């Protein structure tokens, strides 16, 4: 229990951190976040579009084959 209290004490009262975030760092972080979101969007949507187009081609080829068979049977 005392370790938990000690950890909370360090988190509540941190030592002074001498760090510097320049404007370039902030824009870099924003750029990383936007690139991550864009890549997630493209990763999710591109396979879905591929699967849809593949299924439409398969369905279309079956339909064309049936139409050809029907036209041949009429002759």
N, C-alpha and C. Protein backbone atom coordinates (compact mmCIF):
# COMPACT_ATOMS: atom_id res chain seq x y z
N UNK A 1 0.80 -1.18 0.00
CA UNK A 1 0.00 0.00 0.00
C UNK A 1 0.86 1.26 0.00
N UNK A 2 1.95 1.20 0.74
CA UNK A 2 2.79 2.40 0.85
C UNK A 2 3.44 2.74 -0.50
N UNK A 3 3.72 1.69 -1.30
CA UNK A 3 4.29 1.95 -2.62
C UNK A 3 3.30 2.67 -3.51
N UNK A 4 2.03 2.34 -3.36
CA UNK A 4 0.99 2.99 -4.16
C UNK A 4 0.89 4.46 -3.77
N UNK A 5 0.91 4.73 -2.49
CA UNK A 5 0.86 6.12 -2.02
C UNK A 5 2.08 6.90 -2.49
N UNK A 6 3.21 6.26 -2.46
CA UNK A 6 4.44 6.92 -2.91
C UNK A 6 4.37 7.23 -4.40
N UNK A 7 3.85 6.30 -5.17
CA UNK A 7 3.69 6.51 -6.61
C UNK A 7 2.72 7.66 -6.89
N UNK A 8 1.60 7.66 -6.18
CA UNK A 8 0.64 8.75 -6.34
C UNK A 8 1.25 10.09 -5.95
N UNK A 9 2.06 10.09 -4.92
CA UNK A 9 2.72 11.32 -4.49
C UNK A 9 3.65 11.85 -5.56
N UNK A 10 4.39 10.96 -6.21
CA UNK A 10 5.28 11.39 -7.29
C UNK A 10 4.50 11.89 -8.51
N UNK A 11 3.33 11.29 -8.76
CA UNK A 11 2.53 11.72 -9.90
C UNK A 11 1.81 13.04 -9.63
N UNK A 12 1.41 13.26 -8.40
CA UNK A 12 0.71 14.50 -8.07
C UNK A 12 1.67 15.68 -7.97
N UNK A 13 2.84 15.46 -7.39
CA UNK A 13 3.82 16.52 -7.23
C UNK A 13 5.09 16.20 -8.00
N UNK A 14 5.07 16.36 -9.31
CA UNK A 14 6.26 16.01 -10.08
C UNK A 14 7.36 17.06 -9.91
N UNK A 15 8.58 16.63 -10.16
CA UNK A 15 9.70 17.57 -10.15
C UNK A 15 9.60 18.46 -11.37
N UNK A 16 10.30 19.54 -11.35
CA UNK A 16 10.30 20.46 -12.47
C UNK A 16 10.99 19.80 -13.66
N UNK A 17 10.32 19.85 -14.80
CA UNK A 17 10.89 19.27 -16.02
C UNK A 17 11.36 20.43 -16.90
N UNK A 18 12.61 20.41 -17.24
CA UNK A 18 13.17 21.45 -18.09
C UNK A 18 13.17 20.96 -19.53
N UNK A 19 12.00 21.03 -20.13
CA UNK A 19 11.88 20.59 -21.51
C UNK A 19 11.33 21.74 -22.34
N UNK A 20 11.48 21.61 -23.64
CA UNK A 20 11.09 22.68 -24.54
C UNK A 20 10.38 22.08 -25.74
N UNK A 21 9.18 22.55 -25.99
CA UNK A 21 8.46 22.19 -27.20
C UNK A 21 8.42 23.40 -28.10
N UNK A 22 9.15 23.33 -29.19
CA UNK A 22 9.11 24.44 -30.14
C UNK A 22 7.91 24.27 -31.07
N UNK A 23 7.59 25.27 -31.87
CA UNK A 23 6.43 25.17 -32.76
C UNK A 23 6.55 24.02 -33.76
N UNK A 24 7.74 23.67 -34.16
CA UNK A 24 7.93 22.57 -35.09
C UNK A 24 7.52 21.23 -34.49
N UNK A 25 7.74 21.07 -33.20
CA UNK A 25 7.36 19.83 -32.53
C UNK A 25 5.85 19.67 -32.50
N UNK A 26 5.14 20.73 -32.22
CA UNK A 26 3.68 20.67 -32.18
C UNK A 26 3.10 20.34 -33.54
N UNK A 27 3.63 20.95 -34.59
CA UNK A 27 3.12 20.66 -35.93
C UNK A 27 3.49 19.24 -36.35
N UNK A 28 4.62 18.76 -35.89
CA UNK A 28 5.02 17.38 -36.20
C UNK A 28 4.08 16.39 -35.54
N UNK A 29 3.70 16.66 -34.30
CA UNK A 29 2.76 15.77 -33.61
C UNK A 29 1.41 15.78 -34.31
N UNK A 30 0.94 16.93 -34.73
CA UNK A 30 -0.33 17.02 -35.47
C UNK A 30 -0.23 16.27 -36.78
N UNK A 31 0.89 16.38 -37.46
CA UNK A 31 1.10 15.68 -38.73
C UNK A 31 1.08 14.17 -38.52
N UNK A 32 1.68 13.69 -37.46
CA UNK A 32 1.69 12.26 -37.17
C UNK A 32 0.26 11.76 -36.90
N UNK A 33 -0.50 12.53 -36.15
CA UNK A 33 -1.88 12.13 -35.85
C UNK A 33 -2.72 12.10 -37.12
N UNK A 34 -2.60 13.11 -37.97
CA UNK A 34 -3.36 13.14 -39.22
C UNK A 34 -2.96 12.01 -40.16
N UNK A 35 -1.67 11.72 -40.23
CA UNK A 35 -1.21 10.62 -41.09
C UNK A 35 -1.72 9.28 -40.57
N UNK A 36 -1.76 9.12 -39.28
CA UNK A 36 -2.28 7.88 -38.69
C UNK A 36 -3.76 7.72 -39.02
N UNK A 37 -4.54 8.78 -38.86
CA UNK A 37 -5.97 8.71 -39.16
C UNK A 37 -6.22 8.44 -40.63
N UNK A 38 -5.46 9.09 -41.51
CA UNK A 38 -5.63 8.87 -42.95
C UNK A 38 -5.27 7.44 -43.34
N UNK A 39 -4.20 6.91 -42.78
CA UNK A 39 -3.82 5.54 -43.11
C UNK A 39 -4.83 4.53 -42.58
N UNK A 40 -5.41 4.79 -41.42
CA UNK A 40 -6.46 3.91 -40.90
C UNK A 40 -7.67 3.93 -41.82
N UNK A 41 -8.05 5.12 -42.28
CA UNK A 41 -9.20 5.25 -43.18
C UNK A 41 -8.96 4.49 -44.48
N UNK A 42 -7.79 4.67 -45.07
CA UNK A 42 -7.50 4.00 -46.34
C UNK A 42 -7.34 2.50 -46.16
N UNK A 43 -6.80 2.09 -45.04
CA UNK A 43 -6.64 0.66 -44.78
C UNK A 43 -7.99 -0.02 -44.64
N UNK A 44 -8.95 0.67 -44.06
CA UNK A 44 -10.28 0.09 -43.87
C UNK A 44 -11.10 0.13 -45.15
N UNK A 45 -11.08 1.25 -45.87
CA UNK A 45 -11.97 1.41 -47.03
C UNK A 45 -11.45 0.70 -48.27
N UNK A 46 -10.16 0.65 -48.50
CA UNK A 46 -9.63 0.07 -49.73
C UNK A 46 -9.97 -1.42 -49.84
N UNK A 47 -9.76 -2.24 -48.83
CA UNK A 47 -10.15 -3.65 -48.96
C UNK A 47 -11.66 -3.84 -49.16
N UNK A 48 -12.46 -2.99 -48.54
CA UNK A 48 -13.91 -3.11 -48.71
C UNK A 48 -14.29 -2.84 -50.16
N UNK A 49 -13.71 -1.81 -50.76
CA UNK A 49 -13.98 -1.51 -52.17
C UNK A 49 -13.50 -2.64 -53.07
N UNK A 50 -12.36 -3.22 -52.75
CA UNK A 50 -11.83 -4.31 -53.55
C UNK A 50 -12.78 -5.52 -53.50
N UNK A 51 -13.25 -5.84 -52.32
CA UNK A 51 -14.15 -6.98 -52.17
C UNK A 51 -15.47 -6.73 -52.91
N UNK A 52 -16.01 -5.52 -52.80
CA UNK A 52 -17.25 -5.19 -53.49
C UNK A 52 -17.08 -5.31 -55.00
N UNK A 53 -16.00 -4.76 -55.54
CA UNK A 53 -15.79 -4.83 -56.99
C UNK A 53 -15.57 -6.28 -57.43
N UNK A 54 -14.89 -7.06 -56.63
CA UNK A 54 -14.66 -8.47 -56.97
C UNK A 54 -15.99 -9.24 -57.02
N UNK A 55 -16.83 -8.99 -56.03
CA UNK A 55 -18.11 -9.68 -56.00
C UNK A 55 -19.01 -9.23 -57.15
N UNK A 56 -18.97 -7.95 -57.51
CA UNK A 56 -19.76 -7.47 -58.64
C UNK A 56 -19.29 -8.11 -59.94
N UNK A 57 -17.98 -8.26 -60.10
CA UNK A 57 -17.46 -8.92 -61.30
C UNK A 57 -17.90 -10.37 -61.36
N UNK A 58 -17.82 -11.06 -60.23
CA UNK A 58 -18.24 -12.46 -60.20
C UNK A 58 -19.73 -12.58 -60.50
N UNK A 59 -20.52 -11.73 -59.88
CA UNK A 59 -21.96 -11.76 -60.09
C UNK A 59 -22.28 -11.38 -61.53
N UNK A 60 -21.56 -10.40 -62.06
CA UNK A 60 -21.78 -9.98 -63.44
C UNK A 60 -21.40 -11.06 -64.44
N UNK A 61 -20.32 -11.79 -64.18
CA UNK A 61 -19.90 -12.84 -65.11
C UNK A 61 -20.89 -14.00 -65.09
N UNK A 62 -21.47 -14.31 -63.94
CA UNK A 62 -22.49 -15.36 -63.88
C UNK A 62 -23.73 -14.93 -64.65
N UNK A 63 -24.11 -13.67 -64.50
CA UNK A 63 -25.30 -13.16 -65.19
C UNK A 63 -25.09 -13.18 -66.70
N UNK A 64 -23.90 -12.76 -67.15
CA UNK A 64 -23.60 -12.76 -68.58
C UNK A 64 -23.63 -14.18 -69.13
N UNK A 65 -23.10 -15.12 -68.36
CA UNK A 65 -23.09 -16.52 -68.79
C UNK A 65 -24.51 -17.05 -68.93
N UNK A 66 -25.39 -16.72 -67.97
CA UNK A 66 -26.78 -17.14 -68.05
C UNK A 66 -27.48 -16.52 -69.25
N UNK A 67 -27.20 -15.25 -69.52
CA UNK A 67 -27.81 -14.57 -70.67
C UNK A 67 -27.37 -15.21 -71.98
N UNK A 68 -26.08 -15.56 -72.06
CA UNK A 68 -25.57 -16.22 -73.27
C UNK A 68 -26.21 -17.59 -73.46
N UNK A 69 -26.36 -18.33 -72.36
CA UNK A 69 -26.98 -19.64 -72.43
C UNK A 69 -28.43 -19.53 -72.90
N UNK A 70 -29.15 -18.55 -72.39
CA UNK A 70 -30.54 -18.37 -72.79
C UNK A 70 -30.66 -17.99 -74.26
N UNK A 71 -29.75 -17.11 -74.74
CA UNK A 71 -29.82 -16.69 -76.13
C UNK A 71 -29.45 -17.87 -77.07
N UNK A 72 -28.54 -18.73 -76.63
CA UNK A 72 -28.17 -19.88 -77.44
C UNK A 72 -29.32 -20.90 -77.48
N UNK A 73 -30.04 -21.04 -76.37
CA UNK A 73 -31.15 -21.99 -76.32
C UNK A 73 -32.32 -21.53 -77.20
N UNK A 74 -32.49 -20.23 -77.38
CA UNK A 74 -33.57 -19.71 -78.21
C UNK A 74 -33.33 -19.98 -79.69
N UNK A 75 -32.08 -20.09 -80.08
CA UNK A 75 -31.74 -20.31 -81.50
C UNK A 75 -32.03 -21.69 -81.86
